[in-house]
Structures are given as structure tokens and as C-alpha cells.
Amino acid sequence: MFTKILIANRGEIACRIARTARRLGIRTVAVYSDADAHALHVEASDEAYRLGPPPPRESYLNGDAIIRIALSSGAQAIHPGYGFLAENEAFAAACAKAGLVFVGPPPAAIAAMGSKAAAKAIMARANVPVVPGYHGEDQTPALLAREA
């Protein structure tokens, strides 16, 4: 079990993660942009660290800064919430490389699910029902017309 996690998100999802962690006895670290310095998710967490200016690409999407904050705060894991870095294969891999647990799917699963055709092929191999039809990568009009 973790004793401290960093929540790499904001808003209601970050608040929910913080409340659940608190019930589990896990301390939380919030990150925030300048626009969110006084946001509820900051108040709901045990610690909070500034990421940067308001644009998400300069704050909530700055994976290197988030990992640095996690390491310096003593967090053992990063929970990405939804959106932002939750489906970012490179960020999940960077967490692992830094010795942090990414609370979510492993990088290979994120990569596989990033392609609808690959995801359907994986599901079909696992005997999960998929909608019948063409599931290939080639989306040219001529091939799609033939398959239809």
C-alpha cells in the first residue's frame, strides 16, 4: 500500500481521489496551475505544489515537472485521474522509469488501446465479442467500399 500519492489532475476528479485516499489513510499531493492556486482540489489534499502557468501544456501536461514534484514530495505513485496524462503511454513509462507507480494501465495497454483496429484485434483474440465488420488499419475509400 502507498503512504502518499500525487494526483496529476484538477477539479472534481482530483477531489474524489483525495477523499478516497484519505479514507484509505493515504496522504495526497496536489499539483496546480496559477489559475487553480485556490481551487478545491488544492484544499482537499495534504500538500500542494505549483506546476506553472494556466495553459495545460505548461502545467498539467508537463509530465517531467509532475514526476519531479512526485519524487521531491516523497510520493510513491501518481494517479492521473481522467484526461490530461491518463492515456499517455510515454508518461506512464516515465513514471515507471522514475520508480513511481502509475495508477492506471501499463504503457503497453495504453499503446494497444490507442488504435481502434489494434484494440478490436486484441479483444477478438481474447474471445470478447466485437461488432462484425472490417477492423483493419487501411481506411482507404476503395477498401472500405469492398469490405462494406
N, C-alpha and C. Protein backbone atom coordinates (compact mmCIF):
# COMPACT_ATOMS: atom_id res chain seq x y z
N MET A 1 0.85 -1.18 0.00
CA MET A 1 0.00 0.00 0.00
C MET A 1 0.89 1.23 0.00
N PHE A 2 0.42 2.26 -0.62
CA PHE A 2 1.15 3.53 -0.66
C PHE A 2 0.86 4.34 0.59
N THR A 3 1.80 5.19 0.96
CA THR A 3 1.55 6.13 2.05
C THR A 3 1.29 7.53 1.50
N LYS A 4 1.71 7.78 0.24
CA LYS A 4 1.49 9.09 -0.36
C LYS A 4 1.41 8.96 -1.88
N ILE A 5 0.40 9.61 -2.46
CA ILE A 5 0.26 9.64 -3.92
C ILE A 5 0.14 11.08 -4.40
N LEU A 6 0.61 11.31 -5.60
CA LEU A 6 0.42 12.60 -6.26
C LEU A 6 -0.77 12.46 -7.21
N ILE A 7 -1.65 13.43 -7.17
CA ILE A 7 -2.81 13.44 -8.06
C ILE A 7 -2.51 14.42 -9.19
N ALA A 8 -2.30 13.90 -10.38
CA ALA A 8 -1.89 14.72 -11.53
C ALA A 8 -3.12 15.17 -12.31
N ASN A 9 -4.00 15.89 -11.64
CA ASN A 9 -5.22 16.37 -12.26
C ASN A 9 -5.79 17.48 -11.41
N ARG A 10 -6.98 17.95 -11.75
CA ARG A 10 -7.61 19.04 -11.02
C ARG A 10 -9.12 18.80 -10.98
N GLY A 11 -9.82 19.66 -10.31
CA GLY A 11 -11.28 19.62 -10.32
C GLY A 11 -11.86 18.47 -9.52
N GLU A 12 -13.07 18.11 -9.89
CA GLU A 12 -13.84 17.11 -9.14
C GLU A 12 -13.13 15.77 -9.08
N ILE A 13 -12.51 15.33 -10.16
CA ILE A 13 -11.85 14.02 -10.13
C ILE A 13 -10.72 14.03 -9.10
N ALA A 14 -9.95 15.11 -9.04
CA ALA A 14 -8.86 15.19 -8.07
C ALA A 14 -9.42 15.19 -6.64
N CYS A 15 -10.55 15.87 -6.44
CA CYS A 15 -11.18 15.88 -5.11
C CYS A 15 -11.65 14.49 -4.71
N ARG A 16 -12.21 13.77 -5.65
CA ARG A 16 -12.68 12.40 -5.35
C ARG A 16 -11.52 11.48 -5.01
N ILE A 17 -10.44 11.60 -5.75
CA ILE A 17 -9.26 10.78 -5.47
C ILE A 17 -8.72 11.13 -4.09
N ALA A 18 -8.64 12.42 -3.77
CA ALA A 18 -8.13 12.85 -2.47
C ALA A 18 -9.00 12.31 -1.33
N ARG A 19 -10.32 12.39 -1.48
CA ARG A 19 -11.23 11.88 -0.42
C ARG A 19 -11.06 10.38 -0.23
N THR A 20 -10.97 9.66 -1.34
CA THR A 20 -10.82 8.21 -1.24
C THR A 20 -9.48 7.85 -0.61
N ALA A 21 -8.44 8.53 -1.02
CA ALA A 21 -7.12 8.27 -0.43
C ALA A 21 -7.13 8.53 1.07
N ARG A 22 -7.75 9.63 1.47
CA ARG A 22 -7.82 9.96 2.90
C ARG A 22 -8.52 8.83 3.67
N ARG A 23 -9.63 8.31 3.12
CA ARG A 23 -10.33 7.20 3.78
C ARG A 23 -9.44 5.96 3.90
N LEU A 24 -8.50 5.81 2.97
CA LEU A 24 -7.58 4.67 2.99
C LEU A 24 -6.32 4.95 3.80
N GLY A 25 -6.21 6.13 4.36
CA GLY A 25 -5.04 6.50 5.15
C GLY A 25 -3.84 6.88 4.30
N ILE A 26 -4.08 7.29 3.07
CA ILE A 26 -3.00 7.67 2.15
C ILE A 26 -2.96 9.19 2.04
N ARG A 27 -1.77 9.76 2.23
CA ARG A 27 -1.60 11.21 2.08
C ARG A 27 -1.60 11.57 0.60
N THR A 28 -2.03 12.80 0.28
CA THR A 28 -2.13 13.21 -1.11
C THR A 28 -1.35 14.48 -1.40
N VAL A 29 -0.86 14.54 -2.62
CA VAL A 29 -0.14 15.70 -3.13
C VAL A 29 -0.92 16.22 -4.33
N ALA A 30 -1.30 17.48 -4.27
CA ALA A 30 -1.98 18.12 -5.40
C ALA A 30 -0.95 18.91 -6.20
N VAL A 31 -1.24 19.07 -7.48
CA VAL A 31 -0.48 19.98 -8.33
C VAL A 31 -1.48 20.98 -8.90
N TYR A 32 -1.01 22.18 -9.20
CA TYR A 32 -1.93 23.19 -9.68
C TYR A 32 -1.23 24.18 -10.60
N SER A 33 -2.01 24.75 -11.51
CA SER A 33 -1.53 25.86 -12.33
C SER A 33 -1.83 27.14 -11.56
N ASP A 34 -1.27 28.25 -12.04
CA ASP A 34 -1.52 29.53 -11.38
C ASP A 34 -3.02 29.82 -11.28
N ALA A 35 -3.78 29.42 -12.28
CA ALA A 35 -5.23 29.68 -12.29
C ALA A 35 -5.96 28.87 -11.22
N ASP A 36 -5.36 27.77 -10.77
CA ASP A 36 -6.02 26.87 -9.82
C ASP A 36 -5.42 26.93 -8.42
N ALA A 37 -4.64 27.95 -8.12
CA ALA A 37 -3.92 28.01 -6.84
C ALA A 37 -4.86 27.89 -5.63
N HIS A 38 -6.08 28.36 -5.76
CA HIS A 38 -7.02 28.31 -4.63
C HIS A 38 -8.20 27.38 -4.91
N ALA A 39 -8.01 26.45 -5.81
CA ALA A 39 -9.08 25.52 -6.19
C ALA A 39 -9.33 24.49 -5.09
N LEU A 40 -10.49 23.90 -5.14
CA LEU A 40 -10.90 22.93 -4.12
C LEU A 40 -9.97 21.73 -4.05
N HIS A 41 -9.46 21.25 -5.19
CA HIS A 41 -8.59 20.07 -5.14
C HIS A 41 -7.29 20.38 -4.38
N VAL A 42 -6.85 21.63 -4.42
CA VAL A 42 -5.66 22.03 -3.67
C VAL A 42 -5.95 21.96 -2.17
N GLU A 43 -7.10 22.48 -1.79
CA GLU A 43 -7.51 22.46 -0.38
C GLU A 43 -7.79 21.04 0.13
N ALA A 44 -8.23 20.17 -0.76
CA ALA A 44 -8.59 18.80 -0.37
C ALA A 44 -7.39 17.90 -0.16
N SER A 45 -6.22 18.33 -0.59
CA SER A 45 -5.02 17.50 -0.49
C SER A 45 -4.15 17.91 0.69
N ASP A 46 -3.28 17.01 1.09
CA ASP A 46 -2.40 17.27 2.23
C ASP A 46 -1.28 18.25 1.89
N GLU A 47 -0.81 18.19 0.65
CA GLU A 47 0.25 19.08 0.17
C GLU A 47 -0.13 19.55 -1.22
N ALA A 48 0.43 20.68 -1.64
CA ALA A 48 0.16 21.18 -2.98
C ALA A 48 1.39 21.89 -3.52
N TYR A 49 1.63 21.69 -4.83
CA TYR A 49 2.80 22.27 -5.48
C TYR A 49 2.39 22.91 -6.80
N ARG A 50 2.96 24.07 -7.07
CA ARG A 50 2.70 24.80 -8.30
C ARG A 50 3.38 24.10 -9.48
N LEU A 51 2.62 23.95 -10.56
CA LEU A 51 3.16 23.37 -11.80
C LEU A 51 3.62 24.43 -12.78
N GLY A 52 2.86 25.51 -12.91
CA GLY A 52 3.21 26.52 -13.88
C GLY A 52 2.03 27.39 -14.24
N PRO A 53 2.15 28.09 -15.37
CA PRO A 53 1.07 29.00 -15.81
C PRO A 53 -0.19 28.23 -16.22
N PRO A 54 -1.29 28.96 -16.42
CA PRO A 54 -2.58 28.33 -16.69
C PRO A 54 -2.68 27.38 -17.89
N PRO A 55 -2.04 27.65 -19.03
CA PRO A 55 -2.25 26.72 -20.15
C PRO A 55 -1.84 25.28 -19.76
N PRO A 56 -2.73 24.31 -19.97
CA PRO A 56 -2.42 22.93 -19.58
C PRO A 56 -1.10 22.41 -20.13
N ARG A 57 -0.73 22.82 -21.35
CA ARG A 57 0.54 22.31 -21.91
C ARG A 57 1.74 22.78 -21.08
N GLU A 58 1.54 23.86 -20.31
CA GLU A 58 2.61 24.39 -19.47
C GLU A 58 2.46 23.99 -18.01
N SER A 59 1.43 23.22 -17.71
CA SER A 59 1.20 22.82 -16.32
C SER A 59 0.78 21.35 -16.25
N TYR A 60 -0.50 21.07 -16.40
CA TYR A 60 -1.00 19.71 -16.18
C TYR A 60 -0.51 18.69 -17.21
N LEU A 61 0.01 19.14 -18.33
CA LEU A 61 0.56 18.23 -19.33
C LEU A 61 2.08 18.17 -19.28
N ASN A 62 2.68 18.81 -18.28
CA ASN A 62 4.12 18.81 -18.13
C ASN A 62 4.53 17.61 -17.27
N GLY A 63 4.66 16.47 -17.92
CA GLY A 63 4.96 15.23 -17.23
C GLY A 63 6.26 15.26 -16.46
N ASP A 64 7.28 15.90 -17.00
CA ASP A 64 8.58 15.97 -16.30
C ASP A 64 8.43 16.72 -14.98
N ALA A 65 7.71 17.83 -14.99
CA ALA A 65 7.51 18.60 -13.76
C ALA A 65 6.71 17.80 -12.74
N ILE A 66 5.71 17.08 -13.21
CA ILE A 66 4.88 16.27 -12.30
C ILE A 66 5.72 15.18 -11.65
N ILE A 67 6.55 14.52 -12.44
CA ILE A 67 7.42 13.47 -11.88
C ILE A 67 8.41 14.07 -10.88
N ARG A 68 8.99 15.22 -11.20
CA ARG A 68 9.92 15.87 -10.26
C ARG A 68 9.23 16.18 -8.94
N ILE A 69 8.01 16.69 -9.01
CA ILE A 69 7.26 17.01 -7.79
C ILE A 69 6.95 15.74 -7.02
N ALA A 70 6.55 14.70 -7.71
CA ALA A 70 6.25 13.43 -7.03
C ALA A 70 7.48 12.93 -6.27
N LEU A 71 8.62 12.94 -6.92
CA LEU A 71 9.84 12.45 -6.29
C LEU A 71 10.26 13.33 -5.11
N SER A 72 10.21 14.64 -5.29
CA SER A 72 10.65 15.53 -4.21
C SER A 72 9.69 15.53 -3.03
N SER A 73 8.42 15.21 -3.27
CA SER A 73 7.43 15.19 -2.19
C SER A 73 7.39 13.86 -1.45
N GLY A 74 8.06 12.86 -2.00
CA GLY A 74 8.04 11.54 -1.38
C GLY A 74 6.86 10.67 -1.78
N ALA A 75 6.13 11.08 -2.82
CA ALA A 75 5.02 10.25 -3.30
C ALA A 75 5.58 8.97 -3.92
N GLN A 76 4.86 7.88 -3.75
CA GLN A 76 5.27 6.61 -4.34
C GLN A 76 4.53 6.30 -5.63
N ALA A 77 3.45 7.03 -5.87
CA ALA A 77 2.62 6.75 -7.04
C ALA A 77 2.02 8.05 -7.57
N ILE A 78 1.63 8.00 -8.85
CA ILE A 78 0.94 9.12 -9.48
C ILE A 78 -0.39 8.61 -10.01
N HIS A 79 -1.46 9.25 -9.56
CA HIS A 79 -2.79 8.94 -10.07
C HIS A 79 -3.12 10.03 -11.08
N PRO A 80 -3.31 9.69 -12.38
CA PRO A 80 -3.53 10.73 -13.37
C PRO A 80 -4.97 11.23 -13.46
N GLY A 81 -5.89 10.60 -12.76
CA GLY A 81 -7.29 10.99 -12.91
C GLY A 81 -7.78 10.62 -14.29
N TYR A 82 -8.57 11.49 -14.92
CA TYR A 82 -9.06 11.27 -16.28
C TYR A 82 -8.54 12.40 -17.15
N GLY A 83 -8.33 12.12 -18.42
CA GLY A 83 -7.83 13.15 -19.33
C GLY A 83 -6.38 13.45 -19.06
N PHE A 84 -5.94 14.64 -19.45
CA PHE A 84 -4.57 15.07 -19.31
C PHE A 84 -3.60 13.94 -19.64
N LEU A 85 -2.95 13.34 -18.64
CA LEU A 85 -1.90 12.33 -18.89
C LEU A 85 -2.37 10.89 -18.65
N ALA A 86 -3.67 10.70 -18.43
CA ALA A 86 -4.19 9.38 -18.09
C ALA A 86 -4.00 8.35 -19.20
N GLU A 87 -3.97 8.80 -20.44
CA GLU A 87 -3.84 7.87 -21.57
C GLU A 87 -2.54 8.11 -22.33
N ASN A 88 -1.54 8.61 -21.64
CA ASN A 88 -0.27 8.95 -22.26
C ASN A 88 0.75 7.85 -21.97
N GLU A 89 1.02 7.05 -22.99
CA GLU A 89 1.95 5.92 -22.85
C GLU A 89 3.32 6.37 -22.38
N ALA A 90 3.83 7.45 -22.95
CA ALA A 90 5.17 7.94 -22.60
C ALA A 90 5.23 8.38 -21.14
N PHE A 91 4.17 9.02 -20.65
CA PHE A 91 4.14 9.44 -19.25
C PHE A 91 4.11 8.23 -18.32
N ALA A 92 3.29 7.24 -18.63
CA ALA A 92 3.23 6.02 -17.81
C ALA A 92 4.60 5.35 -17.76
N ALA A 93 5.28 5.30 -18.89
CA ALA A 93 6.62 4.70 -18.94
C ALA A 93 7.62 5.54 -18.15
N ALA A 94 7.51 6.86 -18.23
CA ALA A 94 8.42 7.74 -17.49
C ALA A 94 8.23 7.59 -15.98
N CYS A 95 6.99 7.39 -15.56
CA CYS A 95 6.73 7.14 -14.13
C CYS A 95 7.48 5.88 -13.68
N ALA A 96 7.32 4.82 -14.44
CA ALA A 96 7.99 3.56 -14.09
C ALA A 96 9.51 3.74 -14.06
N LYS A 97 10.05 4.43 -15.05
CA LYS A 97 11.50 4.66 -15.12
C LYS A 97 11.98 5.44 -13.90
N ALA A 98 11.14 6.33 -13.39
CA ALA A 98 11.49 7.13 -12.21
C ALA A 98 11.26 6.39 -10.90
N GLY A 99 10.74 5.16 -10.99
CA GLY A 99 10.47 4.38 -9.78
C GLY A 99 9.14 4.68 -9.14
N LEU A 100 8.25 5.30 -9.89
CA LEU A 100 6.91 5.64 -9.40
C LEU A 100 5.87 4.71 -10.02
N VAL A 101 4.86 4.39 -9.27
CA VAL A 101 3.76 3.59 -9.79
C VAL A 101 2.79 4.52 -10.51
N PHE A 102 2.42 4.17 -11.71
CA PHE A 102 1.39 4.87 -12.46
C PHE A 102 0.08 4.17 -12.15
N VAL A 103 -0.86 4.85 -11.54
CA VAL A 103 -2.13 4.25 -11.17
C VAL A 103 -3.02 4.26 -12.41
N GLY A 104 -2.94 3.19 -13.16
CA GLY A 104 -3.66 3.08 -14.42
C GLY A 104 -3.08 1.93 -15.22
N PRO A 105 -3.46 1.83 -16.46
CA PRO A 105 -2.98 0.71 -17.28
C PRO A 105 -1.49 0.86 -17.58
N PRO A 106 -0.81 -0.27 -17.80
CA PRO A 106 0.61 -0.20 -18.15
C PRO A 106 0.79 0.42 -19.54
N PRO A 107 1.99 0.93 -19.81
CA PRO A 107 2.23 1.59 -21.11
C PRO A 107 1.82 0.75 -22.32
N ALA A 108 2.09 -0.54 -22.29
CA ALA A 108 1.74 -1.38 -23.44
C ALA A 108 0.22 -1.41 -23.68
N ALA A 109 -0.55 -1.42 -22.61
CA ALA A 109 -2.01 -1.42 -22.76
C ALA A 109 -2.49 -0.08 -23.30
N ILE A 110 -1.88 1.01 -22.85
CA ILE A 110 -2.26 2.32 -23.37
C ILE A 110 -1.96 2.38 -24.86
N ALA A 111 -0.80 1.88 -25.26
CA ALA A 111 -0.43 1.89 -26.68
C ALA A 111 -1.41 1.05 -27.49
N ALA A 112 -1.73 -0.14 -27.00
CA ALA A 112 -2.64 -1.03 -27.73
C ALA A 112 -4.03 -0.43 -27.87
N MET A 113 -4.49 0.23 -26.83
CA MET A 113 -5.84 0.77 -26.86
C MET A 113 -5.90 2.10 -27.63
N GLY A 114 -4.75 2.64 -28.00
CA GLY A 114 -4.71 3.88 -28.76
C GLY A 114 -5.14 3.70 -30.20
N SER A 115 -5.16 2.48 -30.68
CA SER A 115 -5.58 2.18 -32.04
C SER A 115 -6.85 1.35 -31.98
N LYS A 116 -7.93 1.85 -32.58
CA LYS A 116 -9.18 1.09 -32.55
C LYS A 116 -9.01 -0.27 -33.21
N ALA A 117 -8.29 -0.32 -34.32
CA ALA A 117 -8.10 -1.59 -35.02
C ALA A 117 -7.32 -2.57 -34.15
N ALA A 118 -6.24 -2.10 -33.51
CA ALA A 118 -5.45 -2.98 -32.65
C ALA A 118 -6.26 -3.42 -31.43
N ALA A 119 -7.03 -2.50 -30.86
CA ALA A 119 -7.84 -2.85 -29.69
C ALA A 119 -8.87 -3.91 -30.04
N LYS A 120 -9.52 -3.77 -31.20
CA LYS A 120 -10.51 -4.77 -31.61
C LYS A 120 -9.85 -6.12 -31.85
N ALA A 121 -8.66 -6.13 -32.43
CA ALA A 121 -7.95 -7.38 -32.67
C ALA A 121 -7.59 -8.06 -31.34
N ILE A 122 -7.16 -7.29 -30.38
CA ILE A 122 -6.83 -7.85 -29.06
C ILE A 122 -8.08 -8.44 -28.43
N MET A 123 -9.18 -7.72 -28.50
CA MET A 123 -10.43 -8.22 -27.92
C MET A 123 -10.91 -9.49 -28.62
N ALA A 124 -10.82 -9.52 -29.94
CA ALA A 124 -11.24 -10.70 -30.69
C ALA A 124 -10.39 -11.91 -30.30
N ARG A 125 -9.07 -11.72 -30.16
CA ARG A 125 -8.19 -12.83 -29.74
C ARG A 125 -8.52 -13.33 -28.34
N ALA A 126 -9.07 -12.44 -27.51
CA ALA A 126 -9.44 -12.82 -26.14
C ALA A 126 -10.87 -13.33 -26.06
N ASN A 127 -11.49 -13.53 -27.25
CA ASN A 127 -12.86 -14.02 -27.33
C ASN A 127 -13.89 -13.06 -26.73
N VAL A 128 -13.58 -11.77 -26.76
CA VAL A 128 -14.54 -10.76 -26.37
C VAL A 128 -15.34 -10.40 -27.62
N PRO A 129 -16.66 -10.42 -27.56
CA PRO A 129 -17.44 -10.10 -28.76
C PRO A 129 -17.15 -8.69 -29.28
N VAL A 130 -16.95 -8.58 -30.57
CA VAL A 130 -16.78 -7.28 -31.23
C VAL A 130 -17.80 -7.18 -32.35
N VAL A 131 -18.13 -5.97 -32.72
CA VAL A 131 -19.09 -5.76 -33.80
C VAL A 131 -18.50 -6.33 -35.08
N PRO A 132 -19.24 -7.16 -35.80
CA PRO A 132 -18.72 -7.74 -37.03
C PRO A 132 -18.39 -6.66 -38.05
N GLY A 133 -17.43 -6.94 -38.89
CA GLY A 133 -17.07 -6.00 -39.94
C GLY A 133 -15.58 -5.90 -40.11
N TYR A 134 -15.17 -4.96 -40.90
CA TYR A 134 -13.76 -4.74 -41.18
C TYR A 134 -13.13 -3.96 -40.02
N HIS A 135 -12.00 -4.44 -39.53
CA HIS A 135 -11.33 -3.81 -38.40
C HIS A 135 -9.88 -3.47 -38.71
N GLY A 136 -9.50 -3.38 -39.96
CA GLY A 136 -8.11 -3.14 -40.30
C GLY A 136 -7.69 -1.69 -40.25
N GLU A 137 -6.39 -1.48 -40.37
CA GLU A 137 -5.81 -0.13 -40.34
C GLU A 137 -6.07 0.64 -41.64
N ASP A 138 -6.14 -0.08 -42.76
CA ASP A 138 -6.32 0.58 -44.06
C ASP A 138 -7.73 1.15 -44.14
N GLN A 139 -7.82 2.45 -44.20
CA GLN A 139 -9.12 3.12 -44.22
C GLN A 139 -9.38 3.83 -45.55
N THR A 140 -8.75 3.35 -46.62
CA THR A 140 -8.95 3.99 -47.92
C THR A 140 -10.38 3.72 -48.39
N PRO A 141 -10.97 4.71 -49.10
CA PRO A 141 -12.36 4.54 -49.55
C PRO A 141 -12.59 3.28 -50.38
N ALA A 142 -11.66 2.93 -51.24
CA ALA A 142 -11.83 1.76 -52.09
C ALA A 142 -11.92 0.49 -51.25
N LEU A 143 -11.01 0.33 -50.30
CA LEU A 143 -11.04 -0.87 -49.46
C LEU A 143 -12.29 -0.90 -48.60
N LEU A 144 -12.65 0.21 -48.02
CA LEU A 144 -13.85 0.27 -47.18
C LEU A 144 -15.10 -0.07 -47.99
N ALA A 145 -15.17 0.39 -49.24
CA ALA A 145 -16.32 0.06 -50.11
C ALA A 145 -16.36 -1.43 -50.38
N ARG A 146 -15.22 -2.04 -50.65
CA ARG A 146 -15.18 -3.50 -50.88
C ARG A 146 -15.60 -4.27 -49.63
N GLU A 147 -15.11 -3.84 -48.46
CA GLU A 147 -15.43 -4.53 -47.21
C GLU A 147 -16.90 -4.38 -46.86
N ALA A 148 -17.48 -3.24 -47.19
CA ALA A 148 -18.89 -2.99 -46.87
C ALA A 148 -19.76 -3.91 -47.71
